[in-house]
Amino acid sequence: MKCLMELDKGYGLNWPEKLAYLAFKFLEGAQIRCPVVHSFEPGVYIREMFIPKGVVFIGRAHRHGHRVELVSGKVVLIEEDRRTHLEAPFDMYTVPCYMTAFIAVTDVVGRTYHPNPTESRDLITLEDDAFRPAAEPLAIGAAVNARILAIDAERAKVLEVAA
């Protein structure tokens, strides 16, 4: 599988396409369970996740900006133009459609805080409100995968003719 750096080499992909492609490719392999604990405060739905050391994590795109808290552990946050080493305790606020990618350097516990003005306890409804559909980036990832395969096949033909 191509890493993020390799995807800069002539594929013409933007950042969301790169993340979507990686998410698509990751689903071809074994999945690591990252347990989620759901809790509530007045007007807030909280998701706490344990992520084991060594996991490359790509989160789902969120519908709304929200608070993210690195409760324990260390990660390398992968963004379009940089890699940032973060260590707990750390907080940040995201923007709508934010999709995270990071490598867990140690075991990690992270939390996200989402508005819950109706005080709902229906996890399906809360997750549907918090996240954009997973099918969206996976469809983009499948299309990017097809483009990459076509570009690589064309490159192989050129090399074959040149040899």
N, C-alpha and C. Protein backbone atom coordinates (compact mmCIF):
# COMPACT_ATOMS: atom_id res chain seq x y z
N MET A 1 0.84 -1.18 0.00
CA MET A 1 0.00 0.00 0.00
C MET A 1 0.89 1.24 0.00
N LYS A 2 0.45 2.24 -0.70
CA LYS A 2 1.21 3.48 -0.80
C LYS A 2 1.05 4.29 0.48
N CYS A 3 2.16 4.89 0.93
CA CYS A 3 2.07 5.74 2.11
C CYS A 3 1.68 7.16 1.67
N LEU A 4 1.42 8.01 2.63
CA LEU A 4 1.00 9.38 2.31
C LEU A 4 2.03 10.10 1.44
N MET A 5 3.31 9.89 1.72
CA MET A 5 4.34 10.57 0.94
C MET A 5 4.33 10.11 -0.51
N GLU A 6 4.15 8.81 -0.74
CA GLU A 6 4.12 8.29 -2.10
C GLU A 6 2.93 8.84 -2.89
N LEU A 7 1.87 9.18 -2.19
CA LEU A 7 0.68 9.68 -2.87
C LEU A 7 0.89 11.07 -3.45
N ASP A 8 1.98 11.74 -3.10
CA ASP A 8 2.30 13.04 -3.67
C ASP A 8 3.01 12.92 -5.01
N LYS A 9 3.36 11.74 -5.42
CA LYS A 9 4.18 11.54 -6.61
C LYS A 9 3.33 11.32 -7.87
N GLY A 10 2.76 12.39 -8.36
CA GLY A 10 2.11 12.33 -9.66
C GLY A 10 0.69 11.80 -9.70
N TYR A 11 0.05 11.68 -8.57
CA TYR A 11 -1.33 11.21 -8.59
C TYR A 11 -2.33 12.36 -8.56
N GLY A 12 -1.87 13.55 -8.23
CA GLY A 12 -2.75 14.72 -8.24
C GLY A 12 -3.86 14.66 -7.21
N LEU A 13 -3.58 14.09 -6.05
CA LEU A 13 -4.61 13.94 -5.02
C LEU A 13 -4.58 15.10 -4.04
N ASN A 14 -5.77 15.52 -3.62
CA ASN A 14 -5.83 16.51 -2.55
C ASN A 14 -5.88 15.76 -1.21
N TRP A 15 -5.81 16.49 -0.12
CA TRP A 15 -5.75 15.88 1.21
C TRP A 15 -6.96 14.99 1.51
N PRO A 16 -8.19 15.45 1.29
CA PRO A 16 -9.33 14.56 1.56
C PRO A 16 -9.28 13.27 0.73
N GLU A 17 -8.80 13.36 -0.50
CA GLU A 17 -8.68 12.14 -1.32
C GLU A 17 -7.64 11.19 -0.75
N LYS A 18 -6.54 11.74 -0.26
CA LYS A 18 -5.51 10.89 0.36
C LYS A 18 -6.06 10.16 1.58
N LEU A 19 -6.75 10.89 2.45
CA LEU A 19 -7.32 10.25 3.64
C LEU A 19 -8.37 9.21 3.26
N ALA A 20 -9.19 9.54 2.30
CA ALA A 20 -10.23 8.60 1.85
C ALA A 20 -9.60 7.33 1.27
N TYR A 21 -8.54 7.51 0.48
CA TYR A 21 -7.84 6.36 -0.10
C TYR A 21 -7.26 5.47 1.00
N LEU A 22 -6.59 6.09 1.97
CA LEU A 22 -6.01 5.30 3.05
C LEU A 22 -7.09 4.58 3.86
N ALA A 23 -8.19 5.26 4.14
CA ALA A 23 -9.29 4.61 4.86
C ALA A 23 -9.81 3.42 4.07
N PHE A 24 -9.97 3.59 2.76
CA PHE A 24 -10.43 2.51 1.89
C PHE A 24 -9.45 1.33 1.93
N LYS A 25 -8.15 1.62 1.81
CA LYS A 25 -7.14 0.56 1.81
C LYS A 25 -7.04 -0.12 3.18
N PHE A 26 -7.16 0.65 4.26
CA PHE A 26 -7.06 0.06 5.59
C PHE A 26 -8.17 -0.96 5.82
N LEU A 27 -9.33 -0.74 5.23
CA LEU A 27 -10.43 -1.68 5.43
C LEU A 27 -10.17 -3.03 4.77
N GLU A 28 -9.17 -3.10 3.89
CA GLU A 28 -8.79 -4.38 3.28
C GLU A 28 -8.04 -5.27 4.27
N GLY A 29 -7.47 -4.67 5.31
CA GLY A 29 -6.68 -5.42 6.28
C GLY A 29 -7.45 -5.70 7.55
N ALA A 30 -6.74 -6.32 8.47
CA ALA A 30 -7.33 -6.63 9.79
C ALA A 30 -7.61 -5.32 10.53
N GLN A 31 -8.72 -5.29 11.21
CA GLN A 31 -9.11 -4.11 11.98
C GLN A 31 -8.77 -4.33 13.45
N ILE A 32 -8.29 -3.29 14.08
CA ILE A 32 -7.96 -3.34 15.49
C ILE A 32 -9.12 -2.72 16.26
N ARG A 33 -9.55 -3.40 17.27
CA ARG A 33 -10.67 -2.91 18.07
C ARG A 33 -10.21 -1.76 18.95
N CYS A 34 -10.91 -0.66 18.86
CA CYS A 34 -10.66 0.52 19.69
C CYS A 34 -11.95 0.80 20.46
N PRO A 35 -12.06 0.27 21.67
CA PRO A 35 -13.32 0.39 22.41
C PRO A 35 -13.69 1.85 22.70
N VAL A 36 -14.99 2.11 22.61
CA VAL A 36 -15.53 3.45 22.87
C VAL A 36 -16.43 3.38 24.10
N VAL A 37 -16.23 4.35 25.01
CA VAL A 37 -17.09 4.50 26.18
C VAL A 37 -17.89 5.78 25.94
N HIS A 38 -19.20 5.68 26.07
CA HIS A 38 -20.09 6.82 25.85
C HIS A 38 -20.51 7.38 27.21
N SER A 39 -20.42 8.69 27.34
CA SER A 39 -20.89 9.32 28.57
C SER A 39 -21.54 10.65 28.24
N PHE A 40 -22.14 11.24 29.24
CA PHE A 40 -22.94 12.44 29.02
C PHE A 40 -22.73 13.45 30.13
N GLU A 41 -22.70 14.70 29.75
CA GLU A 41 -22.76 15.82 30.67
C GLU A 41 -23.92 16.68 30.19
N PRO A 42 -24.40 17.61 30.98
CA PRO A 42 -25.52 18.43 30.50
C PRO A 42 -25.21 19.07 29.14
N GLY A 43 -26.03 18.71 28.15
CA GLY A 43 -25.89 19.28 26.81
C GLY A 43 -24.72 18.76 25.99
N VAL A 44 -24.03 17.72 26.49
CA VAL A 44 -22.83 17.22 25.80
C VAL A 44 -22.83 15.69 25.76
N TYR A 45 -22.48 15.17 24.59
CA TYR A 45 -22.27 13.74 24.38
C TYR A 45 -20.76 13.55 24.26
N ILE A 46 -20.20 12.64 25.07
CA ILE A 46 -18.75 12.43 25.12
C ILE A 46 -18.44 11.00 24.66
N ARG A 47 -17.48 10.90 23.75
CA ARG A 47 -16.99 9.61 23.28
C ARG A 47 -15.54 9.48 23.74
N GLU A 48 -15.24 8.44 24.50
CA GLU A 48 -13.87 8.19 24.94
C GLU A 48 -13.40 6.90 24.29
N MET A 49 -12.24 6.96 23.65
CA MET A 49 -11.74 5.81 22.90
C MET A 49 -10.34 5.44 23.36
N PHE A 50 -10.11 4.13 23.48
CA PHE A 50 -8.78 3.60 23.74
C PHE A 50 -8.20 3.14 22.41
N ILE A 51 -6.98 3.59 22.10
CA ILE A 51 -6.31 3.23 20.85
C ILE A 51 -4.94 2.65 21.21
N PRO A 52 -4.68 1.39 20.84
CA PRO A 52 -3.42 0.76 21.21
C PRO A 52 -2.21 1.37 20.49
N LYS A 53 -1.07 1.24 21.13
CA LYS A 53 0.21 1.68 20.57
C LYS A 53 0.41 1.08 19.18
N GLY A 54 0.90 1.91 18.26
CA GLY A 54 1.23 1.44 16.92
C GLY A 54 0.10 1.53 15.91
N VAL A 55 -1.09 1.82 16.36
CA VAL A 55 -2.23 1.90 15.44
C VAL A 55 -2.16 3.19 14.63
N VAL A 56 -2.37 3.04 13.32
CA VAL A 56 -2.58 4.20 12.46
C VAL A 56 -4.09 4.40 12.43
N PHE A 57 -4.53 5.54 12.91
CA PHE A 57 -5.95 5.79 13.12
C PHE A 57 -6.43 6.85 12.14
N ILE A 58 -7.49 6.56 11.43
CA ILE A 58 -8.14 7.55 10.58
C ILE A 58 -9.58 7.65 11.06
N GLY A 59 -9.94 8.81 11.57
CA GLY A 59 -11.29 9.01 12.09
C GLY A 59 -12.28 9.36 10.99
N ARG A 60 -13.53 9.24 11.31
CA ARG A 60 -14.59 9.65 10.39
C ARG A 60 -14.72 11.16 10.38
N ALA A 61 -15.15 11.70 9.26
CA ALA A 61 -15.38 13.15 9.18
C ALA A 61 -16.55 13.51 10.09
N HIS A 62 -16.37 14.58 10.82
CA HIS A 62 -17.40 15.07 11.74
C HIS A 62 -18.25 16.14 11.07
N ARG A 63 -19.52 16.17 11.41
CA ARG A 63 -20.43 17.16 10.85
C ARG A 63 -20.19 18.55 11.42
N HIS A 64 -19.77 18.61 12.67
CA HIS A 64 -19.64 19.88 13.39
C HIS A 64 -18.24 19.98 13.99
N GLY A 65 -17.78 21.20 14.19
CA GLY A 65 -16.57 21.39 14.96
C GLY A 65 -16.80 20.91 16.38
N HIS A 66 -15.77 20.44 17.03
CA HIS A 66 -15.93 19.91 18.38
C HIS A 66 -14.59 19.91 19.11
N ARG A 67 -14.66 19.73 20.41
CA ARG A 67 -13.46 19.64 21.24
C ARG A 67 -12.92 18.22 21.19
N VAL A 68 -11.59 18.13 21.08
CA VAL A 68 -10.88 16.85 21.11
C VAL A 68 -9.88 16.94 22.26
N GLU A 69 -9.82 15.90 23.07
CA GLU A 69 -8.91 15.88 24.21
C GLU A 69 -8.07 14.61 24.15
N LEU A 70 -6.74 14.79 24.15
CA LEU A 70 -5.83 13.67 24.32
C LEU A 70 -5.64 13.52 25.82
N VAL A 71 -6.26 12.48 26.38
CA VAL A 71 -6.29 12.29 27.83
C VAL A 71 -4.99 11.66 28.32
N SER A 72 -4.51 10.67 27.57
CA SER A 72 -3.25 10.03 27.94
C SER A 72 -2.56 9.50 26.68
N GLY A 73 -1.25 9.46 26.74
CA GLY A 73 -0.49 8.90 25.64
C GLY A 73 0.14 9.94 24.73
N LYS A 74 0.76 9.42 23.66
CA LYS A 74 1.45 10.25 22.68
C LYS A 74 1.02 9.82 21.29
N VAL A 75 0.87 10.80 20.40
CA VAL A 75 0.51 10.53 19.00
C VAL A 75 1.36 11.41 18.09
N VAL A 76 1.41 11.00 16.84
CA VAL A 76 1.90 11.87 15.78
C VAL A 76 0.67 12.20 14.94
N LEU A 77 0.25 13.45 15.01
CA LEU A 77 -0.90 13.93 14.25
C LEU A 77 -0.43 14.19 12.82
N ILE A 78 -1.12 13.60 11.86
CA ILE A 78 -0.75 13.73 10.45
C ILE A 78 -1.72 14.69 9.80
N GLU A 79 -1.19 15.81 9.35
CA GLU A 79 -2.01 16.82 8.67
C GLU A 79 -1.43 17.03 7.28
N GLU A 80 -2.17 17.74 6.47
CA GLU A 80 -1.79 17.92 5.08
C GLU A 80 -0.37 18.44 4.91
N ASP A 81 0.01 19.39 5.72
CA ASP A 81 1.30 20.05 5.51
C ASP A 81 2.31 19.82 6.62
N ARG A 82 1.99 18.94 7.58
CA ARG A 82 2.94 18.73 8.67
C ARG A 82 2.58 17.50 9.49
N ARG A 83 3.56 17.07 10.27
CA ARG A 83 3.39 16.02 11.26
C ARG A 83 3.72 16.66 12.60
N THR A 84 2.83 16.49 13.58
CA THR A 84 3.01 17.13 14.87
C THR A 84 2.99 16.07 15.96
N HIS A 85 4.02 16.07 16.81
CA HIS A 85 4.06 15.17 17.96
C HIS A 85 3.27 15.81 19.09
N LEU A 86 2.29 15.07 19.60
CA LEU A 86 1.44 15.56 20.69
C LEU A 86 1.52 14.60 21.86
N GLU A 87 1.47 15.15 23.05
CA GLU A 87 1.50 14.36 24.26
C GLU A 87 0.43 14.87 25.21
N ALA A 88 -0.25 13.93 25.88
CA ALA A 88 -1.28 14.30 26.84
C ALA A 88 -0.65 15.03 28.01
N PRO A 89 -1.38 15.95 28.62
CA PRO A 89 -2.72 16.40 28.25
C PRO A 89 -2.65 17.39 27.09
N PHE A 90 -3.61 17.27 26.18
CA PHE A 90 -3.67 18.16 25.03
C PHE A 90 -5.13 18.31 24.62
N ASP A 91 -5.52 19.53 24.26
CA ASP A 91 -6.87 19.83 23.78
C ASP A 91 -6.78 20.58 22.47
N MET A 92 -7.76 20.37 21.61
CA MET A 92 -7.88 21.19 20.41
C MET A 92 -9.34 21.23 20.00
N TYR A 93 -9.66 22.19 19.16
CA TYR A 93 -11.01 22.31 18.61
C TYR A 93 -10.92 22.13 17.11
N THR A 94 -11.85 21.36 16.57
CA THR A 94 -11.85 21.08 15.13
C THR A 94 -12.87 21.97 14.43
N VAL A 95 -12.89 21.86 13.12
CA VAL A 95 -13.85 22.56 12.28
C VAL A 95 -14.79 21.52 11.67
N PRO A 96 -15.95 21.93 11.16
CA PRO A 96 -16.83 20.97 10.49
C PRO A 96 -16.10 20.24 9.37
N CYS A 97 -16.41 18.97 9.22
CA CYS A 97 -15.84 18.05 8.23
C CYS A 97 -14.42 17.62 8.56
N TYR A 98 -13.91 17.98 9.73
CA TYR A 98 -12.58 17.58 10.16
C TYR A 98 -12.50 16.06 10.20
N MET A 99 -11.40 15.55 9.67
CA MET A 99 -11.14 14.11 9.68
C MET A 99 -9.71 13.93 10.17
N THR A 100 -9.52 13.22 11.26
CA THR A 100 -8.20 13.10 11.85
C THR A 100 -7.45 11.88 11.33
N ALA A 101 -6.14 11.99 11.34
CA ALA A 101 -5.27 10.86 11.06
C ALA A 101 -4.07 10.98 12.00
N PHE A 102 -3.76 9.90 12.68
CA PHE A 102 -2.59 9.93 13.55
C PHE A 102 -2.05 8.53 13.77
N ILE A 103 -0.84 8.49 14.29
CA ILE A 103 -0.20 7.24 14.68
C ILE A 103 -0.09 7.27 16.20
N ALA A 104 -0.55 6.22 16.85
CA ALA A 104 -0.45 6.13 18.31
C ALA A 104 0.97 5.68 18.66
N VAL A 105 1.75 6.57 19.23
CA VAL A 105 3.13 6.27 19.62
C VAL A 105 3.13 5.41 20.88
N THR A 106 2.16 5.63 21.74
CA THR A 106 1.94 4.82 22.95
C THR A 106 0.45 4.44 22.95
N ASP A 107 0.04 3.65 23.91
CA ASP A 107 -1.40 3.47 24.10
C ASP A 107 -1.99 4.85 24.35
N VAL A 108 -3.17 5.09 23.81
CA VAL A 108 -3.78 6.42 23.85
C VAL A 108 -5.21 6.33 24.35
N VAL A 109 -5.61 7.32 25.12
CA VAL A 109 -7.02 7.53 25.44
C VAL A 109 -7.34 8.94 24.96
N GLY A 110 -8.38 9.03 24.13
CA GLY A 110 -8.82 10.32 23.62
C GLY A 110 -10.32 10.49 23.81
N ARG A 111 -10.74 11.73 23.89
CA ARG A 111 -12.17 12.03 24.04
C ARG A 111 -12.57 13.07 23.00
N THR A 112 -13.80 12.93 22.54
CA THR A 112 -14.41 13.99 21.73
C THR A 112 -15.69 14.40 22.42
N TYR A 113 -15.99 15.69 22.32
CA TYR A 113 -17.15 16.29 22.99
C TYR A 113 -18.07 16.87 21.92
N HIS A 114 -19.32 16.40 21.92
CA HIS A 114 -20.28 16.79 20.89
C HIS A 114 -21.52 17.42 21.52
N PRO A 115 -22.07 18.44 20.86
CA PRO A 115 -23.29 19.06 21.40
C PRO A 115 -24.43 18.03 21.47
N ASN A 116 -25.20 18.12 22.52
CA ASN A 116 -26.35 17.24 22.72
C ASN A 116 -27.46 18.05 23.38
N PRO A 117 -28.00 19.05 22.66
CA PRO A 117 -28.97 19.95 23.28
C PRO A 117 -30.26 19.27 23.72
N THR A 118 -30.59 18.12 23.13
CA THR A 118 -31.83 17.43 23.50
C THR A 118 -31.63 16.43 24.62
N GLU A 119 -30.39 16.30 25.10
CA GLU A 119 -30.06 15.34 26.17
C GLU A 119 -30.37 13.91 25.76
N SER A 120 -30.26 13.61 24.48
CA SER A 120 -30.53 12.27 23.96
C SER A 120 -29.54 11.26 24.53
N ARG A 121 -29.98 10.03 24.66
CA ARG A 121 -29.11 8.91 25.03
C ARG A 121 -29.11 7.86 23.92
N ASP A 122 -29.70 8.19 22.79
CA ASP A 122 -29.78 7.28 21.64
C ASP A 122 -28.46 7.37 20.87
N LEU A 123 -27.60 6.37 21.06
CA LEU A 123 -26.26 6.42 20.47
C LEU A 123 -26.27 6.45 18.95
N ILE A 124 -27.19 5.77 18.33
CA ILE A 124 -27.26 5.78 16.86
C ILE A 124 -27.57 7.19 16.37
N THR A 125 -28.55 7.83 16.96
CA THR A 125 -28.91 9.20 16.58
C THR A 125 -27.76 10.16 16.87
N LEU A 126 -27.13 10.02 18.03
CA LEU A 126 -26.02 10.90 18.39
C LEU A 126 -24.85 10.74 17.43
N GLU A 127 -24.52 9.50 17.07
CA GLU A 127 -23.42 9.27 16.14
C GLU A 127 -23.78 9.75 14.74
N ASP A 128 -25.02 9.57 14.33
CA ASP A 128 -25.45 10.09 13.02
C ASP A 128 -25.35 11.61 12.98
N ASP A 129 -25.63 12.26 14.11
CA ASP A 129 -25.51 13.71 14.16
C ASP A 129 -24.04 14.16 14.21
N ALA A 130 -23.19 13.38 14.87
CA ALA A 130 -21.78 13.76 15.03
C ALA A 130 -20.96 13.51 13.77
N PHE A 131 -21.24 12.43 13.05
CA PHE A 131 -20.38 12.00 11.94
C PHE A 131 -21.08 12.08 10.59
N ARG A 132 -20.29 12.39 9.58
CA ARG A 132 -20.76 12.26 8.21
C ARG A 132 -20.79 10.76 7.89
N PRO A 133 -21.61 10.32 6.95
CA PRO A 133 -21.68 8.89 6.63
C PRO A 133 -20.33 8.31 6.22
N ALA A 134 -19.99 7.15 6.77
CA ALA A 134 -18.72 6.49 6.46
C ALA A 134 -18.63 6.12 4.98
N ALA A 135 -19.78 5.93 4.36
CA ALA A 135 -19.77 5.53 2.94
C ALA A 135 -19.19 6.62 2.03
N GLU A 136 -19.30 7.88 2.45
CA GLU A 136 -18.79 8.97 1.59
C GLU A 136 -17.29 8.87 1.33
N PRO A 137 -16.44 8.86 2.38
CA PRO A 137 -15.01 8.75 2.08
C PRO A 137 -14.63 7.41 1.48
N LEU A 138 -15.36 6.35 1.80
CA LEU A 138 -15.03 5.05 1.23
C LEU A 138 -15.31 5.02 -0.28
N ALA A 139 -16.37 5.69 -0.71
CA ALA A 139 -16.64 5.79 -2.15
C ALA A 139 -15.56 6.61 -2.84
N ILE A 140 -15.15 7.69 -2.19
CA ILE A 140 -14.06 8.51 -2.74
C ILE A 140 -12.77 7.67 -2.78
N GLY A 141 -12.51 6.93 -1.71
CA GLY A 141 -11.32 6.08 -1.65
C GLY A 141 -11.31 5.03 -2.74
N ALA A 142 -12.46 4.44 -3.03
CA ALA A 142 -12.54 3.44 -4.10
C ALA A 142 -12.25 4.08 -5.46
N ALA A 143 -12.78 5.28 -5.68
CA ALA A 143 -12.52 5.99 -6.94
C ALA A 143 -11.05 6.36 -7.07
N VAL A 144 -10.45 6.82 -5.97
CA VAL A 144 -9.02 7.16 -5.98
C VAL A 144 -8.19 5.91 -6.24
N ASN A 145 -8.56 4.80 -5.62
CA ASN A 145 -7.85 3.54 -5.84
C ASN A 145 -7.87 3.17 -7.32
N ALA A 146 -9.02 3.30 -7.95
CA ALA A 146 -9.12 3.00 -9.40
C ALA A 146 -8.23 3.93 -10.21
N ARG A 147 -8.20 5.22 -9.85
CA ARG A 147 -7.32 6.18 -10.55
C ARG A 147 -5.86 5.81 -10.39
N ILE A 148 -5.46 5.46 -9.18
CA ILE A 148 -4.06 5.10 -8.93
C ILE A 148 -3.69 3.85 -9.72
N LEU A 149 -4.55 2.85 -9.73
CA LEU A 149 -4.27 1.64 -10.50
C LEU A 149 -4.12 1.95 -11.98
N ALA A 150 -4.98 2.82 -12.51
CA ALA A 150 -4.90 3.19 -13.93
C ALA A 150 -3.60 3.96 -14.22
N ILE A 151 -3.25 4.88 -13.34
CA ILE A 151 -2.01 5.66 -13.54
C ILE A 151 -0.80 4.73 -13.46
N ASP A 152 -0.79 3.84 -12.48
CA ASP A 152 0.33 2.90 -12.34
C ASP A 152 0.43 1.97 -13.54
N ALA A 153 -0.70 1.52 -14.07
CA ALA A 153 -0.69 0.65 -15.26
C ALA A 153 -0.14 1.40 -16.46
N GLU A 154 -0.53 2.66 -16.61
CA GLU A 154 -0.03 3.47 -17.73
C GLU A 154 1.47 3.69 -17.59
N ARG A 155 1.93 3.97 -16.38
CA ARG A 155 3.37 4.13 -16.14
C ARG A 155 4.13 2.86 -16.46
N ALA A 156 3.57 1.72 -16.09
CA ALA A 156 4.22 0.44 -16.38
C ALA A 156 4.34 0.22 -17.88
N LYS A 157 3.31 0.58 -18.64
CA LYS A 157 3.36 0.46 -20.10
C LYS A 157 4.47 1.31 -20.69
N VAL A 158 4.57 2.57 -20.19
CA VAL A 158 5.61 3.48 -20.68
C VAL A 158 6.99 2.90 -20.40
N LEU A 159 7.20 2.38 -19.20
CA LEU A 159 8.48 1.78 -18.84
C LEU A 159 8.78 0.55 -19.69
N GLU A 160 7.73 -0.22 -19.96
CA GLU A 160 7.89 -1.43 -20.78
C GLU A 160 8.31 -1.07 -22.20
N VAL A 161 7.70 -0.05 -22.76
CA VAL A 161 8.03 0.41 -24.11
C VAL A 161 9.45 0.98 -24.15
N ALA A 162 9.82 1.69 -23.09
CA ALA A 162 11.15 2.32 -23.03
C ALA A 162 12.24 1.27 -22.87
N ALA A 163 11.90 0.12 -22.29
CA ALA A 163 12.91 -0.93 -22.06
C ALA A 163 13.09 -1.71 -23.30
